[in-house]
Amino acid sequence: MKFYRELSECLGSDPKVTPVITVESSGNSENADSGKQHSDSDECSDSPRVKGKRPTKKRKSHSSSAEMLSFMQEYSAKRDKVEEEKVQLMREMQDEKKKFFAQFLEIMKNK
């Protein structure tokens, strides 16, 4: 119960409180400073810490534009071939379905 009482003293009625200390495993110098001990009055203060954004690393391409173009052309050709095979299979299935229903209708008429 003591924990909840201390927590409610720090947070008050505002559930959107910015933490005073954040812990990270990256080992930034900013986090080393935040590892210092704070008194009880510092823990309840409303001074938010601003984290710096890490720069994004761009991946270097080791292939030339000619290689990329040839790859894309090959990929396009393969994809077109696969799509064409799918369409052919669907046509065959549709023809078989028509034949089946035609035979079914003939059987039903003869009964």
PDB file of N, CA and C in Angstrom:
ATOM      1  N   MET A   1       0.825  -1.185   0.000  1.00  0.00           N
ATOM      2  CA  MET A   1       0.000   0.000   0.000  1.00  0.00           C
ATOM      3  C   MET A   1       0.874   1.256   0.000  1.00  0.00           C
ATOM      4  N   LYS A   2       2.049   1.159   0.602  1.00  0.00           N
ATOM      5  CA  LYS A   2       2.951   2.304   0.660  1.00  0.00           C
ATOM      6  C   LYS A   2       3.379   2.701  -0.760  1.00  0.00           C
ATOM      7  N   PHE A   3       3.617   1.696  -1.609  1.00  0.00           N
ATOM      8  CA  PHE A   3       4.020   1.960  -2.998  1.00  0.00           C
ATOM      9  C   PHE A   3       2.952   2.770  -3.731  1.00  0.00           C
ATOM     10  N   TYR A   4       1.700   2.361  -3.613  1.00  0.00           N
ATOM     11  CA  TYR A   4       0.608   3.065  -4.288  1.00  0.00           C
ATOM     12  C   TYR A   4       0.447   4.488  -3.751  1.00  0.00           C
ATOM     13  N   ARG A   5       0.654   4.673  -2.472  1.00  0.00           N
ATOM     14  CA  ARG A   5       0.533   5.998  -1.879  1.00  0.00           C
ATOM     15  C   ARG A   5       1.632   6.909  -2.434  1.00  0.00           C
ATOM     16  N   GLU A   6       2.887   6.404  -2.478  1.00  0.00           N
ATOM     17  CA  GLU A   6       3.992   7.206  -3.008  1.00  0.00           C
ATOM     18  C   GLU A   6       3.794   7.484  -4.505  1.00  0.00           C
ATOM     19  N   LEU A   7       3.291   6.494  -5.197  1.00  0.00           N
ATOM     20  CA  LEU A   7       3.049   6.663  -6.624  1.00  0.00           C
ATOM     21  C   LEU A   7       1.980   7.720  -6.875  1.00  0.00           C
ATOM     22  N   SER A   8       0.918   7.701  -6.104  1.00  0.00           N
ATOM     23  CA  SER A   8      -0.140   8.693  -6.295  1.00  0.00           C
ATOM     24  C   SER A   8       0.341  10.084  -5.898  1.00  0.00           C
ATOM     25  N   GLU A   9       1.284  10.184  -4.949  1.00  0.00           N
ATOM     26  CA  GLU A   9       1.848  11.494  -4.598  1.00  0.00           C
ATOM     27  C   GLU A   9       2.636  12.061  -5.769  1.00  0.00           C
ATOM     28  N   CYS A  10       3.399  11.203  -6.459  1.00  0.00           N
ATOM     29  CA  CYS A  10       4.208  11.667  -7.591  1.00  0.00           C
ATOM     30  C   CYS A  10       3.346  11.970  -8.817  1.00  0.00           C
ATOM     31  N   LEU A  11       2.410  11.070  -9.124  1.00  0.00           N
ATOM     32  CA  LEU A  11       1.612  11.234 -10.329  1.00  0.00           C
ATOM     33  C   LEU A  11       0.450  12.191 -10.150  1.00  0.00           C
ATOM     34  N   GLY A  12      -0.127  12.191  -9.013  1.00  0.00           N
ATOM     35  CA  GLY A  12      -1.307  13.010  -8.787  1.00  0.00           C
ATOM     36  C   GLY A  12      -2.470  12.454  -9.577  1.00  0.00           C
ATOM     37  N   SER A  13      -3.296  13.318 -10.119  1.00  0.00           N
ATOM     38  CA  SER A  13      -4.450  12.848 -10.885  1.00  0.00           C
ATOM     39  C   SER A  13      -4.172  12.812 -12.378  1.00  0.00           C
ATOM     40  N   ASP A  14      -2.965  13.197 -12.823  1.00  0.00           N
ATOM     41  CA  ASP A  14      -2.628  13.225 -14.246  1.00  0.00           C
ATOM     42  C   ASP A  14      -1.970  11.904 -14.644  1.00  0.00           C
ATOM     43  N   PRO A  15      -2.641  11.060 -15.444  1.00  0.00           N
ATOM     44  CA  PRO A  15      -2.050   9.787 -15.837  1.00  0.00           C
ATOM     45  C   PRO A  15      -1.022   9.913 -16.958  1.00  0.00           C
ATOM     46  N   LYS A  16      -0.905  11.096 -17.546  1.00  0.00           N
ATOM     47  CA  LYS A  16       0.023  11.288 -18.664  1.00  0.00           C
ATOM     48  C   LYS A  16       1.265  12.046 -18.210  1.00  0.00           C
ATOM     49  N   VAL A  17       1.955  11.522 -17.243  1.00  0.00           N
ATOM     50  CA  VAL A  17       3.147  12.169 -16.711  1.00  0.00           C
ATOM     51  C   VAL A  17       4.360  11.676 -17.484  1.00  0.00           C
ATOM     52  N   THR A  18       5.235  12.605 -17.891  1.00  0.00           N
ATOM     53  CA  THR A  18       6.471  12.249 -18.567  1.00  0.00           C
ATOM     54  C   THR A  18       7.475  11.789 -17.515  1.00  0.00           C
ATOM     55  N   PRO A  19       8.102  10.624 -17.716  1.00  0.00           N
ATOM     56  CA  PRO A  19       9.039  10.124 -16.714  1.00  0.00           C
ATOM     57  C   PRO A  19      10.273  11.013 -16.600  1.00  0.00           C
ATOM     58  N   VAL A  20      10.783  11.123 -15.376  1.00  0.00           N
ATOM     59  CA  VAL A  20      11.970  11.926 -15.132  1.00  0.00           C
ATOM     60  C   VAL A  20      13.204  11.182 -15.605  1.00  0.00           C
ATOM     61  N   ILE A  21      13.227   9.873 -15.400  1.00  0.00           N
ATOM     62  CA  ILE A  21      14.376   9.053 -15.764  1.00  0.00           C
ATOM     63  C   ILE A  21      13.916   7.947 -16.697  1.00  0.00           C
ATOM     64  N   THR A  22      14.691   7.744 -17.757  1.00  0.00           N
ATOM     65  CA  THR A  22      14.449   6.598 -18.626  1.00  0.00           C
ATOM     66  C   THR A  22      15.736   5.804 -18.716  1.00  0.00           C
ATOM     67  N   VAL A  23      15.632   4.504 -18.799  1.00  0.00           N
ATOM     68  CA  VAL A  23      16.805   3.641 -18.848  1.00  0.00           C
ATOM     69  C   VAL A  23      16.876   3.016 -20.228  1.00  0.00           C
ATOM     70  N   GLU A  24      18.078   3.051 -20.792  1.00  0.00           N
ATOM     71  CA  GLU A  24      18.293   2.505 -22.112  1.00  0.00           C
ATOM     72  C   GLU A  24      19.559   1.674 -22.097  1.00  0.00           C
ATOM     73  N   SER A  25      19.642   0.687 -22.961  1.00  0.00           N
ATOM     74  CA  SER A  25      20.826  -0.170 -22.984  1.00  0.00           C
ATOM     75  C   SER A  25      21.887   0.322 -23.957  1.00  0.00           C
ATOM     76  N   SER A  26      21.636   1.416 -24.662  1.00  0.00           N
ATOM     77  CA  SER A  26      22.584   1.888 -25.670  1.00  0.00           C
ATOM     78  C   SER A  26      23.816   2.536 -25.050  1.00  0.00           C
ATOM     79  N   GLY A  27      23.726   3.031 -23.835  1.00  0.00           N
ATOM     80  CA  GLY A  27      24.886   3.596 -23.154  1.00  0.00           C
ATOM     81  C   GLY A  27      25.211   5.005 -23.594  1.00  0.00           C
ATOM     82  N   ASN A  28      24.240   5.799 -23.964  1.00  0.00           N
ATOM     83  CA  ASN A  28      24.476   7.195 -24.330  1.00  0.00           C
ATOM     84  C   ASN A  28      24.940   7.974 -23.109  1.00  0.00           C
ATOM     85  N   SER A  29      25.648   9.060 -23.341  1.00  0.00           N
ATOM     86  CA  SER A  29      26.100   9.890 -22.225  1.00  0.00           C
ATOM     87  C   SER A  29      24.909  10.530 -21.520  1.00  0.00           C
ATOM     88  N   GLU A  30      23.844  10.744 -22.246  1.00  0.00           N
ATOM     89  CA  GLU A  30      22.637  11.316 -21.668  1.00  0.00           C
ATOM     90  C   GLU A  30      22.075  10.383 -20.594  1.00  0.00           C
ATOM     91  N   ASN A  31      22.143   9.089 -20.847  1.00  0.00           N
ATOM     92  CA  ASN A  31      21.641   8.117 -19.884  1.00  0.00           C
ATOM     93  C   ASN A  31      22.581   7.966 -18.696  1.00  0.00           C
ATOM     94  N   ALA A  32      23.853   8.204 -18.906  1.00  0.00           N
ATOM     95  CA  ALA A  32      24.798   8.102 -17.804  1.00  0.00           C
ATOM     96  C   ALA A  32      24.503   9.194 -16.775  1.00  0.00           C
ATOM     97  N   ASP A  33      24.106  10.380 -17.259  1.00  0.00           N
ATOM     98  CA  ASP A  33      23.766  11.467 -16.348  1.00  0.00           C
ATOM     99  C   ASP A  33      22.488  11.157 -15.591  1.00  0.00           C
ATOM    100  N   SER A  34      21.558  10.460 -16.245  1.00  0.00           N
ATOM    101  CA  SER A  34      20.283  10.190 -15.603  1.00  0.00           C
ATOM    102  C   SER A  34      20.414   9.092 -14.559  1.00  0.00           C
ATOM    103  N   GLY A  35      21.553   8.414 -14.497  1.00  0.00           N
ATOM    104  CA  GLY A  35      21.756   7.367 -13.522  1.00  0.00           C
ATOM    105  C   GLY A  35      22.068   7.906 -12.143  1.00  0.00           C
ATOM    106  N   LYS A  36      22.280   9.200 -12.017  1.00  0.00           N
ATOM    107  CA  LYS A  36      22.561   9.813 -10.721  1.00  0.00           C
ATOM    108  C   LYS A  36      21.333   9.696  -9.837  1.00  0.00           C
ATOM    109  N   GLN A  37      21.571   9.631  -8.531  1.00  0.00           N
ATOM    110  CA  GLN A  37      20.444   9.516  -7.619  1.00  0.00           C
ATOM    111  C   GLN A  37      19.777  10.874  -7.454  1.00  0.00           C
ATOM    112  N   HIS A  38      18.457  10.846  -7.415  1.00  0.00           N
ATOM    113  CA  HIS A  38      17.661  12.049  -7.234  1.00  0.00           C
ATOM    114  C   HIS A  38      16.995  11.991  -5.880  1.00  0.00           C
ATOM    115  N   SER A  39      16.745  13.158  -5.327  1.00  0.00           N
ATOM    116  CA  SER A  39      16.011  13.186  -4.069  1.00  0.00           C
ATOM    117  C   SER A  39      14.533  13.011  -4.357  1.00  0.00           C
ATOM    118  N   ASP A  40      13.715  12.855  -3.317  1.00  0.00           N
ATOM    119  CA  ASP A  40      12.273  12.658  -3.489  1.00  0.00           C
ATOM    120  C   ASP A  40      11.627  13.836  -4.197  1.00  0.00           C
ATOM    121  N   SER A  41      12.133  15.050  -3.954  1.00  0.00           N
ATOM    122  CA  SER A  41      11.537  16.218  -4.604  1.00  0.00           C
ATOM    123  C   SER A  41      11.850  16.224  -6.097  1.00  0.00           C
ATOM    124  N   ASP A  42      13.023  15.690  -6.510  1.00  0.00           N
ATOM    125  CA  ASP A  42      13.364  15.625  -7.925  1.00  0.00           C
ATOM    126  C   ASP A  42      12.501  14.606  -8.651  1.00  0.00           C
ATOM    127  N   GLU A  43      12.152  13.525  -7.998  1.00  0.00           N
ATOM    128  CA  GLU A  43      11.367  12.478  -8.637  1.00  0.00           C
ATOM    129  C   GLU A  43       9.971  12.962  -8.976  1.00  0.00           C
ATOM    130  N   CYS A  44       9.427  13.869  -8.191  1.00  0.00           N
ATOM    131  CA  CYS A  44       8.066  14.340  -8.421  1.00  0.00           C
ATOM    132  C   CYS A  44       8.020  15.594  -9.276  1.00  0.00           C
ATOM    133  N   SER A  45       9.154  16.136  -9.692  1.00  0.00           N
ATOM    134  CA  SER A  45       9.145  17.363 -10.494  1.00  0.00           C
ATOM    135  C   SER A  45       8.613  17.068 -11.889  1.00  0.00           C
ATOM    136  N   ASP A  46       8.137  18.093 -12.556  1.00  0.00           N
ATOM    137  CA  ASP A  46       7.527  17.947 -13.872  1.00  0.00           C
ATOM    138  C   ASP A  46       8.485  18.305 -15.002  1.00  0.00           C
ATOM    139  N   SER A  47       9.797  18.198 -14.800  1.00  0.00           N
ATOM    140  CA  SER A  47      10.753  18.547 -15.850  1.00  0.00           C
ATOM    141  C   SER A  47      10.996  17.334 -16.742  1.00  0.00           C
ATOM    142  N   PRO A  48      10.456  17.346 -17.966  1.00  0.00           N
ATOM    143  CA  PRO A  48      10.623  16.207 -18.878  1.00  0.00           C
ATOM    144  C   PRO A  48      12.012  16.205 -19.510  1.00  0.00           C
ATOM    145  N   ARG A  49      12.532  15.016 -19.760  1.00  0.00           N
ATOM    146  CA  ARG A  49      13.814  14.880 -20.466  1.00  0.00           C
ATOM    147  C   ARG A  49      13.516  14.650 -21.940  1.00  0.00           C
ATOM    148  N   VAL A  50      14.299  15.278 -22.773  1.00  0.00           N
ATOM    149  CA  VAL A  50      14.112  15.130 -24.209  1.00  0.00           C
ATOM    150  C   VAL A  50      15.181  14.185 -24.729  1.00  0.00           C
ATOM    151  N   LYS A  51      14.728  13.116 -25.381  1.00  0.00           N
ATOM    152  CA  LYS A  51      15.672  12.168 -25.953  1.00  0.00           C
ATOM    153  C   LYS A  51      16.043  12.623 -27.354  1.00  0.00           C
ATOM    154  N   GLY A  52      17.304  12.543 -27.698  1.00  0.00           N
ATOM    155  CA  GLY A  52      17.743  12.890 -29.041  1.00  0.00           C
ATOM    156  C   GLY A  52      17.475  11.742 -29.992  1.00  0.00           C
ATOM    157  N   LYS A  53      17.154  12.078 -31.240  1.00  0.00           N
ATOM    158  CA  LYS A  53      16.908  11.043 -32.235  1.00  0.00           C
ATOM    159  C   LYS A  53      18.240  10.541 -32.766  1.00  0.00           C
ATOM    160  N   ARG A  54      18.281   9.242 -32.980  1.00  0.00           N
ATOM    161  CA  ARG A  54      19.484   8.662 -33.574  1.00  0.00           C
ATOM    162  C   ARG A  54      19.421   8.862 -35.082  1.00  0.00           C
ATOM    163  N   PRO A  55      20.534   9.156 -35.704  1.00  0.00           N
ATOM    164  CA  PRO A  55      20.511   9.314 -37.157  1.00  0.00           C
ATOM    165  C   PRO A  55      20.266   7.964 -37.822  1.00  0.00           C
ATOM    166  N   THR A  56      19.465   7.989 -38.868  1.00  0.00           N
ATOM    167  CA  THR A  56      19.184   6.754 -39.576  1.00  0.00           C
ATOM    168  C   THR A  56      20.324   6.449 -40.527  1.00  0.00           C
ATOM    169  N   LYS A  57      20.672   5.179 -40.592  1.00  0.00           N
ATOM    170  CA  LYS A  57      21.760   4.768 -41.474  1.00  0.00           C
ATOM    171  C   LYS A  57      21.170   4.269 -42.777  1.00  0.00           C
ATOM    172  N   LYS A  58      21.683   4.791 -43.870  1.00  0.00           N
ATOM    173  CA  LYS A  58      21.223   4.347 -45.175  1.00  0.00           C
ATOM    174  C   LYS A  58      22.088   3.165 -45.606  1.00  0.00           C
ATOM    175  N   ARG A  59      21.423   2.157 -46.149  1.00  0.00           N
ATOM    176  CA  ARG A  59      22.134   0.977 -46.602  1.00  0.00           C
ATOM    177  C   ARG A  59      22.758   1.266 -47.958  1.00  0.00           C
ATOM    178  N   LYS A  60      24.038   0.971 -48.091  1.00  0.00           N
ATOM    179  CA  LYS A  60      24.721   1.218 -49.349  1.00  0.00           C
ATOM    180  C   LYS A  60      24.412   0.095 -50.325  1.00  0.00           C
ATOM    181  N   SER A  61      24.181   0.471 -51.565  1.00  0.00           N
ATOM    182  CA  SER A  61      23.889  -0.504 -52.602  1.00  0.00           C
ATOM    183  C   SER A  61      25.199  -0.904 -53.268  1.00  0.00           C
ATOM    184  N   HIS A  62      25.402  -2.204 -53.386  1.00  0.00           N
ATOM    185  CA  HIS A  62      26.624  -2.698 -54.019  1.00  0.00           C
ATOM    186  C   HIS A  62      26.391  -3.123 -55.461  1.00  0.00           C
ATOM    187  N   SER A  63      25.189  -2.923 -55.975  1.00  0.00           N
ATOM    188  CA  SER A  63      24.899  -3.321 -57.342  1.00  0.00           C
ATOM    189  C   SER A  63      24.713  -2.085 -58.210  1.00  0.00           C
ATOM    190  N   SER A  64      25.007  -2.249 -59.477  1.00  0.00           N
ATOM    191  CA  SER A  64      24.896  -1.121 -60.394  1.00  0.00           C
ATOM    192  C   SER A  64      23.470  -1.022 -60.916  1.00  0.00           C
ATOM    193  N   SER A  65      23.182   0.071 -61.565  1.00  0.00           N
ATOM    194  CA  SER A  65      21.832   0.272 -62.096  1.00  0.00           C
ATOM    195  C   SER A  65      21.544  -0.711 -63.228  1.00  0.00           C
ATOM    196  N   ALA A  66      22.574  -1.082 -63.993  1.00  0.00           N
ATOM    197  CA  ALA A  66      22.374  -2.043 -65.085  1.00  0.00           C
ATOM    198  C   ALA A  66      21.962  -3.400 -64.514  1.00  0.00           C
ATOM    199  N   GLU A  67      22.600  -3.799 -63.406  1.00  0.00           N
ATOM    200  CA  GLU A  67      22.241  -5.062 -62.764  1.00  0.00           C
ATOM    201  C   GLU A  67      20.814  -5.014 -62.238  1.00  0.00           C
ATOM    202  N   MET A  68      20.448  -3.890 -61.660  1.00  0.00           N
ATOM    203  CA  MET A  68      19.092  -3.742 -61.137  1.00  0.00           C
ATOM    204  C   MET A  68      18.064  -3.817 -62.266  1.00  0.00           C
ATOM    205  N   LEU A  69      18.345  -3.161 -63.384  1.00  0.00           N
ATOM    206  CA  LEU A  69      17.427  -3.193 -64.511  1.00  0.00           C
ATOM    207  C   LEU A  69      17.277  -4.602 -65.074  1.00  0.00           C
ATOM    208  N   SER A  70      18.390  -5.316 -65.193  1.00  0.00           N
ATOM    209  CA  SER A  70      18.300  -6.683 -65.719  1.00  0.00           C
ATOM    210  C   SER A  70      17.534  -7.575 -64.750  1.00  0.00           C
ATOM    211  N   PHE A  71      17.744  -7.394 -63.465  1.00  0.00           N
ATOM    212  CA  PHE A  71      17.002  -8.174 -62.470  1.00  0.00           C
ATOM    213  C   PHE A  71      15.511  -7.887 -62.572  1.00  0.00           C
ATOM    214  N   MET A  72      15.156  -6.624 -62.688  1.00  0.00           N
ATOM    215  CA  MET A  72      13.745  -6.250 -62.776  1.00  0.00           C
ATOM    216  C   MET A  72      13.102  -6.815 -64.047  1.00  0.00           C
ATOM    217  N   GLN A  73      13.839  -6.825 -65.150  1.00  0.00           N
ATOM    218  CA  GLN A  73      13.309  -7.386 -66.388  1.00  0.00           C
ATOM    219  C   GLN A  73      13.083  -8.889 -66.245  1.00  0.00           C
ATOM    220  N   GLU A  74      14.046  -9.587 -65.642  1.00  0.00           N
ATOM    221  CA  GLU A  74      13.894 -11.029 -65.421  1.00  0.00           C
ATOM    222  C   GLU A  74      12.718 -11.309 -64.494  1.00  0.00           C
ATOM    223  N   TYR A  75      12.610 -10.525 -63.452  1.00  0.00           N
ATOM    224  CA  TYR A  75      11.522 -10.706 -62.489  1.00  0.00           C
ATOM    225  C   TYR A  75      10.176 -10.476 -63.165  1.00  0.00           C
ATOM    226  N   SER A  76      10.096  -9.449 -63.969  1.00  0.00           N
ATOM    227  CA  SER A  76       8.867  -9.131 -64.703  1.00  0.00           C
ATOM    228  C   SER A  76       8.488 -10.266 -65.634  1.00  0.00           C
ATOM    229  N   ALA A  77       9.467 -10.796 -66.340  1.00  0.00           N
ATOM    230  CA  ALA A  77       9.199 -11.886 -67.275  1.00  0.00           C
ATOM    231  C   ALA A  77       8.695 -13.122 -66.521  1.00  0.00           C
ATOM    232  N   LYS A  78       9.328 -13.446 -65.402  1.00  0.00           N
ATOM    233  CA  LYS A  78       8.901 -14.599 -64.608  1.00  0.00           C
ATOM    234  C   LYS A  78       7.491 -14.400 -64.066  1.00  0.00           C
ATOM    235  N   ARG A  79       7.221 -13.212 -63.588  1.00  0.00           N
ATOM    236  CA  ARG A  79       5.898 -12.920 -63.041  1.00  0.00           C
ATOM    237  C   ARG A  79       4.827 -13.015 -64.125  1.00  0.00           C
ATOM    238  N   ASP A  80       5.124 -12.494 -65.315  1.00  0.00           N
ATOM    239  CA  ASP A  80       4.180 -12.578 -66.430  1.00  0.00           C
ATOM    240  C   ASP A  80       3.920 -14.033 -66.813  1.00  0.00           C
ATOM    241  N   LYS A  81       4.974 -14.841 -66.809  1.00  0.00           N
ATOM    242  CA  LYS A  81       4.832 -16.252 -67.158  1.00  0.00           C
ATOM    243  C   LYS A  81       3.938 -16.962 -66.146  1.00  0.00           C
ATOM    244  N   VAL A  82       4.166 -16.687 -64.867  1.00  0.00           N
ATOM    245  CA  VAL A  82       3.357 -17.311 -63.814  1.00  0.00           C
ATOM    246  C   VAL A  82       1.901 -16.884 -63.936  1.00  0.00           C
ATOM    247  N   GLU A  83       1.664 -15.611 -64.183  1.00  0.00           N
ATOM    248  CA  GLU A  83       0.293 -15.117 -64.341  1.00  0.00           C
ATOM    249  C   GLU A  83      -0.393 -15.757 -65.553  1.00  0.00           C
ATOM    250  N   GLU A  84       0.361 -15.917 -66.619  1.00  0.00           N
ATOM    251  CA  GLU A  84      -0.187 -16.539 -67.822  1.00  0.00           C
ATOM    252  C   GLU A  84      -0.567 -17.996 -67.551  1.00  0.00           C
ATOM    253  N   GLU A  85       0.276 -18.705 -66.799  1.00  0.00           N
ATOM    254  CA  GLU A  85      -0.026 -20.097 -66.439  1.00  0.00           C
ATOM    255  C   GLU A  85      -1.284 -20.169 -65.570  1.00  0.00           C
ATOM    256  N   LYS A  86      -1.451 -19.215 -64.674  1.00  0.00           N
ATOM    257  CA  LYS A  86      -2.649 -19.184 -63.826  1.00  0.00           C
ATOM    258  C   LYS A  86      -3.904 -18.977 -64.667  1.00  0.00           C
ATOM    259  N   VAL A  87      -3.827 -18.055 -65.621  1.00  0.00           N
ATOM    260  CA  VAL A  87      -4.973 -17.776 -66.485  1.00  0.00           C
ATOM    261  C   VAL A  87      -5.307 -19.014 -67.308  1.00  0.00           C
ATOM    262  N   GLN A  88      -4.288 -19.696 -67.826  1.00  0.00           N
ATOM    263  CA  GLN A  88      -4.493 -20.917 -68.613  1.00  0.00           C
ATOM    264  C   GLN A  88      -5.191 -21.983 -67.765  1.00  0.00           C
ATOM    265  N   LEU A  89      -4.732 -22.164 -66.546  1.00  0.00           N
ATOM    266  CA  LEU A  89      -5.327 -23.151 -65.645  1.00  0.00           C
ATOM    267  C   LEU A  89      -6.784 -22.802 -65.322  1.00  0.00           C
ATOM    268  N   MET A  90      -7.047 -21.532 -65.105  1.00  0.00           N
ATOM    269  CA  MET A  90      -8.419 -21.102 -64.812  1.00  0.00           C
ATOM    270  C   MET A  90      -9.334 -21.347 -66.006  1.00  0.00           C
ATOM    271  N   ARG A  91      -8.843 -21.125 -67.211  1.00  0.00           N
ATOM    272  CA  ARG A  91      -9.641 -21.389 -68.418  1.00  0.00           C
ATOM    273  C   ARG A  91      -9.960 -22.877 -68.532  1.00  0.00           C
ATOM    274  N   GLU A  92      -8.938 -23.710 -68.289  1.00  0.00           N
ATOM    275  CA  GLU A  92      -9.158 -25.156 -68.348  1.00  0.00           C
ATOM    276  C   GLU A  92     -10.194 -25.589 -67.317  1.00  0.00           C
ATOM    277  N   MET A  93     -10.107 -25.038 -66.123  1.00  0.00           N
ATOM    278  CA  MET A  93     -11.054 -25.383 -65.069  1.00  0.00           C
ATOM    279  C   MET A  93     -12.468 -24.960 -65.461  1.00  0.00           C
ATOM    280  N   GLN A  94     -12.586 -23.794 -66.069  1.00  0.00           N
ATOM    281  CA  GLN A  94     -13.896 -23.300 -66.488  1.00  0.00           C
ATOM    282  C   GLN A  94     -14.488 -24.197 -67.577  1.00  0.00           C
ATOM    283  N   ASP A  95     -13.636 -24.621 -68.520  1.00  0.00           N
ATOM    284  CA  ASP A  95     -14.114 -25.522 -69.582  1.00  0.00           C
ATOM    285  C   ASP A  95     -14.581 -26.855 -68.995  1.00  0.00           C
ATOM    286  N   GLU A  96     -13.822 -27.405 -68.060  1.00  0.00           N
ATOM    287  CA  GLU A  96     -14.206 -28.658 -67.416  1.00  0.00           C
ATOM    288  C   GLU A  96     -15.521 -28.500 -66.648  1.00  0.00           C
ATOM    289  N   LYS A  97     -15.675 -27.367 -66.024  1.00  0.00           N
ATOM    290  CA  LYS A  97     -16.911 -27.096 -65.276  1.00  0.00           C
ATOM    291  C   LYS A  97     -18.118 -27.052 -66.222  1.00  0.00           C
ATOM    292  N   LYS A  98     -17.934 -26.393 -67.370  1.00  0.00           N
ATOM    293  CA  LYS A  98     -19.015 -26.320 -68.361  1.00  0.00           C
ATOM    294  C   LYS A  98     -19.386 -27.717 -68.854  1.00  0.00           C
ATOM    295  N   LYS A  99     -18.376 -28.539 -69.151  1.00  0.00           N
ATOM    296  CA  LYS A  99     -18.627 -29.901 -69.619  1.00  0.00           C
ATOM    297  C   LYS A  99     -19.369 -30.707 -68.554  1.00  0.00           C
ATOM    298  N   PHE A 100     -18.937 -30.560 -67.316  1.00  0.00           N
ATOM    299  CA  PHE A 100     -19.562 -31.291 -66.226  1.00  0.00           C
ATOM    300  C   PHE A 100     -21.041 -30.931 -66.094  1.00  0.00           C
ATOM    301  N   PHE A 101     -21.341 -29.647 -66.098  1.00  0.00           N
ATOM    302  CA  PHE A 101     -22.725 -29.223 -65.949  1.00  0.00           C
ATOM    303  C   PHE A 101     -23.572 -29.600 -67.170  1.00  0.00           C
ATOM    304  N   ALA A 102     -22.953 -29.602 -68.352  1.00  0.00           N
ATOM    305  CA  ALA A 102     -23.679 -30.026 -69.549  1.00  0.00           C
ATOM    306  C   ALA A 102     -24.057 -31.494 -69.425  1.00  0.00           C
ATOM    307  N   GLN A 103     -23.105 -32.324 -68.952  1.00  0.00           N
ATOM    308  CA  GLN A 103     -23.402 -33.748 -68.754  1.00  0.00           C
ATOM    309  C   GLN A 103     -24.451 -33.929 -67.658  1.00  0.00           C
ATOM    310  N   PHE A 104     -24.364 -33.136 -66.625  1.00  0.00           N
ATOM    311  CA  PHE A 104     -25.319 -33.219 -65.517  1.00  0.00           C
ATOM    312  C   PHE A 104     -26.728 -32.888 -65.998  1.00  0.00           C
ATOM    313  N   LEU A 105     -26.847 -31.864 -66.823  1.00  0.00           N
ATOM    314  CA  LEU A 105     -28.156 -31.484 -67.366  1.00  0.00           C
ATOM    315  C   LEU A 105     -28.726 -32.593 -68.271  1.00  0.00           C
ATOM    316  N   GLU A 106     -27.863 -33.231 -69.054  1.00  0.00           N
ATOM    317  CA  GLU A 106     -28.305 -34.320 -69.910  1.00  0.00           C
ATOM    318  C   GLU A 106     -28.858 -35.472 -69.077  1.00  0.00           C
ATOM    319  N   ILE A 107     -28.177 -35.779 -67.980  1.00  0.00           N
ATOM    320  CA  ILE A 107     -28.611 -36.860 -67.107  1.00  0.00           C
ATOM    321  C   ILE A 107     -29.952 -36.507 -66.466  1.00  0.00           C
ATOM    322  N   MET A 108     -30.103 -35.254 -66.044  1.00  0.00           N
ATOM    323  CA  MET A 108     -31.338 -34.826 -65.394  1.00  0.00           C
ATOM    324  C   MET A 108     -32.520 -34.814 -66.392  1.00  0.00           C
ATOM    325  N   LYS A 109     -32.263 -34.503 -67.638  1.00  0.00           N
ATOM    326  CA  LYS A 109     -33.312 -34.486 -68.657  1.00  0.00           C
ATOM    327  C   LYS A 109     -33.805 -35.906 -68.958  1.00  0.00           C
ATOM    328  N   ASN A 110     -32.889 -36.859 -68.934  1.00  0.00           N
ATOM    329  CA  ASN A 110     -33.236 -38.233 -69.283  1.00  0.00           C
ATOM    330  C   ASN A 110     -34.021 -38.920 -68.173  1.00  0.00           C
ATOM    331  N   LYS A 111     -34.021 -38.413 -66.996  1.00  0.00           N
ATOM    332  CA  LYS A 111     -34.741 -39.072 -65.895  1.00  0.00           C
ATOM    333  C   LYS A 111     -36.173 -38.808 -65.921  1.00  0.00           C
TER     334      LYS A 111
END
